[in-house]
Amino acid sequence: MPRVVLASALTRWLDPAAAGPGEIALDAAGDTLAAALDAVFSHHPKLRGYVLDEHGGVRHHVAIFIDGTAIADKHRLDIPVAKSTEIYILQALSGG
C-alpha cells in the first residue's frame, strides 16, 4: 500500500487525535496518486482543500514528491503508484 508522508506543517489540517509532532506517515490504498490522495482525504477531509484547488489540481503552494521526484504536472494526478511508493507532501516555499 502506498505511504503518504505529510510534512509537519500540514498536520494542523488533521484531526487532533491523528496529528502529532513532526511528519505523519499514512498508508493509503490506491494505484494512482489521485486514488492514494482520495484515501487520505476520506479520513482527513480538511486536508483536501489545502492540498488541492477547486479544479482538483495541486495548489501552487504545495509540492508533492513520488519516491523522491517532484511531480511535473500539478493538474495530472493519474500517475501510477506501487505498493512500495512513498508520496511526500509539503508546503512549497516561494519568495525572495
N, C-alpha and C. Protein backbone atom coordinates (compact mmCIF):
# COMPACT_ATOMS: atom_id res chain seq x y z
N MET A 1 0.84 -1.17 0.00
CA MET A 1 0.00 0.00 0.00
C MET A 1 0.90 1.24 0.00
N PRO A 2 0.64 2.20 -0.89
CA PRO A 2 1.47 3.41 -0.90
C PRO A 2 1.44 4.11 0.47
N ARG A 3 2.53 4.77 0.78
CA ARG A 3 2.62 5.52 2.04
C ARG A 3 2.67 7.00 1.70
N VAL A 4 1.79 7.76 2.36
CA VAL A 4 1.72 9.21 2.18
C VAL A 4 2.32 9.85 3.42
N VAL A 5 3.36 10.63 3.21
CA VAL A 5 4.03 11.32 4.32
C VAL A 5 3.67 12.79 4.24
N LEU A 6 3.15 13.32 5.32
CA LEU A 6 2.78 14.73 5.40
C LEU A 6 3.83 15.47 6.21
N ALA A 7 4.37 16.53 5.65
CA ALA A 7 5.32 17.36 6.39
C ALA A 7 4.63 17.92 7.63
N SER A 8 5.41 18.22 8.64
CA SER A 8 4.85 18.63 9.93
C SER A 8 3.93 19.85 9.81
N ALA A 9 4.18 20.76 8.87
CA ALA A 9 3.34 21.94 8.72
C ALA A 9 1.91 21.59 8.28
N LEU A 10 1.73 20.42 7.69
CA LEU A 10 0.41 20.02 7.22
C LEU A 10 -0.43 19.31 8.28
N THR A 11 0.18 18.94 9.37
CA THR A 11 -0.56 18.19 10.39
C THR A 11 -1.64 19.03 11.06
N ARG A 12 -1.58 20.34 10.92
CA ARG A 12 -2.63 21.19 11.50
C ARG A 12 -3.96 20.97 10.82
N TRP A 13 -3.96 20.37 9.62
CA TRP A 13 -5.19 20.09 8.89
C TRP A 13 -5.78 18.73 9.23
N LEU A 14 -5.10 17.98 10.10
CA LEU A 14 -5.59 16.67 10.53
C LEU A 14 -6.43 16.81 11.79
N ASP A 15 -7.22 15.80 12.06
CA ASP A 15 -7.94 15.78 13.33
C ASP A 15 -6.91 15.72 14.45
N PRO A 16 -7.16 16.41 15.56
CA PRO A 16 -6.17 16.46 16.65
C PRO A 16 -5.68 15.09 17.11
N ALA A 17 -6.54 14.09 17.09
CA ALA A 17 -6.14 12.75 17.53
C ALA A 17 -5.10 12.13 16.59
N ALA A 18 -5.13 12.51 15.30
CA ALA A 18 -4.19 11.94 14.32
C ALA A 18 -2.90 12.74 14.22
N ALA A 19 -2.96 14.00 14.62
CA ALA A 19 -1.79 14.87 14.50
C ALA A 19 -0.83 14.65 15.64
N GLY A 20 0.38 14.98 15.40
CA GLY A 20 1.42 14.87 16.42
C GLY A 20 2.60 15.71 15.99
N PRO A 21 3.63 15.73 16.77
CA PRO A 21 4.81 16.50 16.37
C PRO A 21 5.52 15.82 15.21
N GLY A 22 6.05 16.60 14.32
CA GLY A 22 6.82 16.04 13.20
C GLY A 22 5.94 15.55 12.07
N GLU A 23 6.58 14.85 11.15
CA GLU A 23 5.89 14.30 9.99
C GLU A 23 4.93 13.20 10.42
N ILE A 24 3.91 13.00 9.60
CA ILE A 24 2.95 11.93 9.82
C ILE A 24 2.97 11.05 8.57
N ALA A 25 3.08 9.75 8.73
CA ALA A 25 3.04 8.81 7.61
C ALA A 25 1.75 8.01 7.69
N LEU A 26 1.05 7.97 6.56
CA LEU A 26 -0.24 7.28 6.48
C LEU A 26 -0.21 6.28 5.34
N ASP A 27 -0.72 5.08 5.57
CA ASP A 27 -0.88 4.13 4.48
C ASP A 27 -2.16 4.49 3.74
N ALA A 28 -2.11 4.46 2.41
CA ALA A 28 -3.25 4.88 1.61
C ALA A 28 -3.43 3.94 0.43
N ALA A 29 -4.55 3.26 0.38
CA ALA A 29 -4.82 2.35 -0.73
C ALA A 29 -4.99 3.15 -2.02
N GLY A 30 -4.56 2.56 -3.11
CA GLY A 30 -4.73 3.19 -4.41
C GLY A 30 -3.60 2.84 -5.34
N ASP A 31 -3.92 2.85 -6.65
CA ASP A 31 -2.88 2.54 -7.63
C ASP A 31 -2.49 3.75 -8.47
N THR A 32 -3.04 4.93 -8.10
CA THR A 32 -2.63 6.19 -8.71
C THR A 32 -2.46 7.21 -7.59
N LEU A 33 -1.79 8.30 -7.93
CA LEU A 33 -1.63 9.37 -6.95
C LEU A 33 -3.00 9.88 -6.52
N ALA A 34 -3.92 10.07 -7.46
CA ALA A 34 -5.26 10.57 -7.14
C ALA A 34 -5.98 9.64 -6.17
N ALA A 35 -5.90 8.34 -6.40
CA ALA A 35 -6.57 7.38 -5.52
C ALA A 35 -5.96 7.38 -4.12
N ALA A 36 -4.64 7.46 -4.04
CA ALA A 36 -3.98 7.49 -2.73
C ALA A 36 -4.35 8.76 -1.97
N LEU A 37 -4.38 9.90 -2.68
CA LEU A 37 -4.78 11.14 -2.03
C LEU A 37 -6.23 11.07 -1.56
N ASP A 38 -7.11 10.52 -2.39
CA ASP A 38 -8.51 10.37 -2.00
C ASP A 38 -8.65 9.52 -0.75
N ALA A 39 -7.83 8.49 -0.64
CA ALA A 39 -7.88 7.64 0.56
C ALA A 39 -7.50 8.43 1.80
N VAL A 40 -6.49 9.27 1.69
CA VAL A 40 -6.08 10.12 2.82
C VAL A 40 -7.17 11.14 3.13
N PHE A 41 -7.71 11.78 2.08
CA PHE A 41 -8.72 12.82 2.29
C PHE A 41 -10.01 12.24 2.87
N SER A 42 -10.29 10.97 2.62
CA SER A 42 -11.51 10.38 3.18
C SER A 42 -11.43 10.31 4.70
N HIS A 43 -10.22 10.21 5.24
CA HIS A 43 -10.02 10.19 6.70
C HIS A 43 -9.71 11.57 7.26
N HIS A 44 -9.22 12.47 6.41
CA HIS A 44 -8.82 13.81 6.84
C HIS A 44 -9.34 14.84 5.84
N PRO A 45 -10.66 15.07 5.83
CA PRO A 45 -11.27 15.92 4.79
C PRO A 45 -10.78 17.37 4.79
N LYS A 46 -10.37 17.92 5.91
CA LYS A 46 -9.89 19.31 5.94
C LYS A 46 -8.61 19.48 5.13
N LEU A 47 -7.85 18.42 4.98
CA LEU A 47 -6.59 18.47 4.25
C LEU A 47 -6.81 18.67 2.75
N ARG A 48 -7.91 18.17 2.21
CA ARG A 48 -8.18 18.25 0.76
C ARG A 48 -8.11 19.69 0.26
N GLY A 49 -8.80 20.60 0.91
CA GLY A 49 -8.85 21.99 0.46
C GLY A 49 -7.51 22.71 0.55
N TYR A 50 -6.63 22.22 1.38
CA TYR A 50 -5.31 22.83 1.47
C TYR A 50 -4.38 22.31 0.37
N VAL A 51 -4.52 21.03 0.05
CA VAL A 51 -3.63 20.39 -0.94
C VAL A 51 -4.13 20.62 -2.37
N LEU A 52 -5.43 20.49 -2.59
CA LEU A 52 -5.99 20.59 -3.94
C LEU A 52 -6.81 21.86 -4.12
N ASP A 53 -6.78 22.41 -5.33
CA ASP A 53 -7.59 23.58 -5.62
C ASP A 53 -9.00 23.16 -6.05
N GLU A 54 -9.83 24.13 -6.41
CA GLU A 54 -11.23 23.85 -6.76
C GLU A 54 -11.37 23.05 -8.05
N HIS A 55 -10.30 22.93 -8.83
CA HIS A 55 -10.33 22.15 -10.07
C HIS A 55 -9.71 20.77 -9.90
N GLY A 56 -9.27 20.45 -8.68
CA GLY A 56 -8.68 19.14 -8.42
C GLY A 56 -7.20 19.05 -8.66
N GLY A 57 -6.56 20.17 -8.97
CA GLY A 57 -5.10 20.19 -9.16
C GLY A 57 -4.41 20.52 -7.85
N VAL A 58 -3.13 20.21 -7.78
CA VAL A 58 -2.34 20.52 -6.58
C VAL A 58 -2.13 22.03 -6.53
N ARG A 59 -2.38 22.61 -5.38
CA ARG A 59 -2.23 24.06 -5.21
C ARG A 59 -0.78 24.50 -5.44
N HIS A 60 -0.65 25.75 -5.83
CA HIS A 60 0.66 26.32 -6.14
C HIS A 60 1.63 26.23 -4.96
N HIS A 61 1.12 26.39 -3.75
CA HIS A 61 1.98 26.43 -2.56
C HIS A 61 2.23 25.05 -1.95
N VAL A 62 1.87 23.99 -2.67
CA VAL A 62 2.07 22.62 -2.19
C VAL A 62 2.96 21.88 -3.18
N ALA A 63 3.88 21.08 -2.66
CA ALA A 63 4.74 20.24 -3.50
C ALA A 63 4.49 18.78 -3.15
N ILE A 64 4.46 17.95 -4.17
CA ILE A 64 4.29 16.51 -3.98
C ILE A 64 5.44 15.80 -4.68
N PHE A 65 6.08 14.90 -3.93
CA PHE A 65 7.17 14.08 -4.45
C PHE A 65 6.73 12.63 -4.43
N ILE A 66 7.02 11.91 -5.50
CA ILE A 66 6.77 10.48 -5.55
C ILE A 66 8.11 9.79 -5.62
N ASP A 67 8.41 9.03 -4.59
CA ASP A 67 9.70 8.35 -4.48
C ASP A 67 10.87 9.31 -4.74
N GLY A 68 10.77 10.50 -4.17
CA GLY A 68 11.86 11.47 -4.23
C GLY A 68 11.87 12.39 -5.44
N THR A 69 10.93 12.21 -6.38
CA THR A 69 10.88 13.04 -7.58
C THR A 69 9.62 13.89 -7.56
N ALA A 70 9.79 15.20 -7.74
CA ALA A 70 8.64 16.10 -7.75
C ALA A 70 7.74 15.80 -8.95
N ILE A 71 6.44 15.86 -8.73
CA ILE A 71 5.53 15.66 -9.86
C ILE A 71 5.69 16.85 -10.80
N ALA A 72 5.68 16.58 -12.09
CA ALA A 72 5.94 17.62 -13.09
C ALA A 72 4.69 18.45 -13.41
N ASP A 73 3.53 17.82 -13.38
CA ASP A 73 2.28 18.49 -13.76
C ASP A 73 1.32 18.40 -12.58
N LYS A 74 1.06 19.53 -11.95
CA LYS A 74 0.21 19.56 -10.76
C LYS A 74 -1.28 19.35 -11.08
N HIS A 75 -1.62 19.24 -12.35
CA HIS A 75 -3.01 19.00 -12.73
C HIS A 75 -3.23 17.57 -13.20
N ARG A 76 -2.17 16.80 -13.28
CA ARG A 76 -2.27 15.40 -13.71
C ARG A 76 -1.96 14.51 -12.51
N LEU A 77 -3.02 13.95 -11.94
CA LEU A 77 -2.85 13.13 -10.73
C LEU A 77 -3.08 11.65 -11.01
N ASP A 78 -3.16 11.27 -12.28
CA ASP A 78 -3.36 9.87 -12.62
C ASP A 78 -2.03 9.11 -12.71
N ILE A 79 -1.04 9.60 -12.03
CA ILE A 79 0.29 9.00 -12.03
C ILE A 79 0.22 7.66 -11.30
N PRO A 80 0.67 6.58 -11.93
CA PRO A 80 0.63 5.27 -11.26
C PRO A 80 1.56 5.23 -10.05
N VAL A 81 1.12 4.55 -9.01
CA VAL A 81 1.94 4.32 -7.83
C VAL A 81 1.89 2.83 -7.48
N ALA A 82 2.96 2.35 -6.89
CA ALA A 82 3.05 0.94 -6.49
C ALA A 82 2.82 0.82 -4.99
N LYS A 83 2.72 -0.40 -4.54
CA LYS A 83 2.52 -0.65 -3.11
C LYS A 83 3.67 -0.11 -2.27
N SER A 84 4.85 -0.05 -2.85
CA SER A 84 6.02 0.42 -2.09
C SER A 84 6.30 1.91 -2.29
N THR A 85 5.44 2.62 -2.98
CA THR A 85 5.66 4.03 -3.29
C THR A 85 5.52 4.89 -2.04
N GLU A 86 6.41 5.90 -1.94
CA GLU A 86 6.28 6.92 -0.90
C GLU A 86 5.91 8.23 -1.56
N ILE A 87 4.81 8.80 -1.10
CA ILE A 87 4.31 10.08 -1.60
C ILE A 87 4.54 11.08 -0.48
N TYR A 88 5.32 12.11 -0.76
CA TYR A 88 5.66 13.11 0.26
C TYR A 88 4.99 14.42 -0.11
N ILE A 89 4.22 14.97 0.81
CA ILE A 89 3.50 16.22 0.57
C ILE A 89 4.02 17.28 1.54
N LEU A 90 4.39 18.44 0.99
CA LEU A 90 4.88 19.51 1.83
C LEU A 90 4.49 20.86 1.28
N GLN A 91 4.62 21.87 2.10
CA GLN A 91 4.40 23.23 1.66
C GLN A 91 5.57 23.66 0.79
N ALA A 92 5.25 24.26 -0.35
CA ALA A 92 6.29 24.81 -1.21
C ALA A 92 6.53 26.25 -0.78
N LEU A 93 7.78 26.62 -0.70
CA LEU A 93 8.12 27.99 -0.31
C LEU A 93 8.47 28.79 -1.55
N SER A 94 8.10 30.04 -1.53
CA SER A 94 8.46 30.93 -2.64
C SER A 94 8.76 32.30 -2.06
N GLY A 95 9.30 33.13 -2.87
CA GLY A 95 9.61 34.48 -2.41
C GLY A 95 11.07 34.80 -2.65
N GLY A 96 11.47 35.93 -2.15
CA GLY A 96 12.85 36.29 -2.45
C GLY A 96 13.50 37.06 -1.39
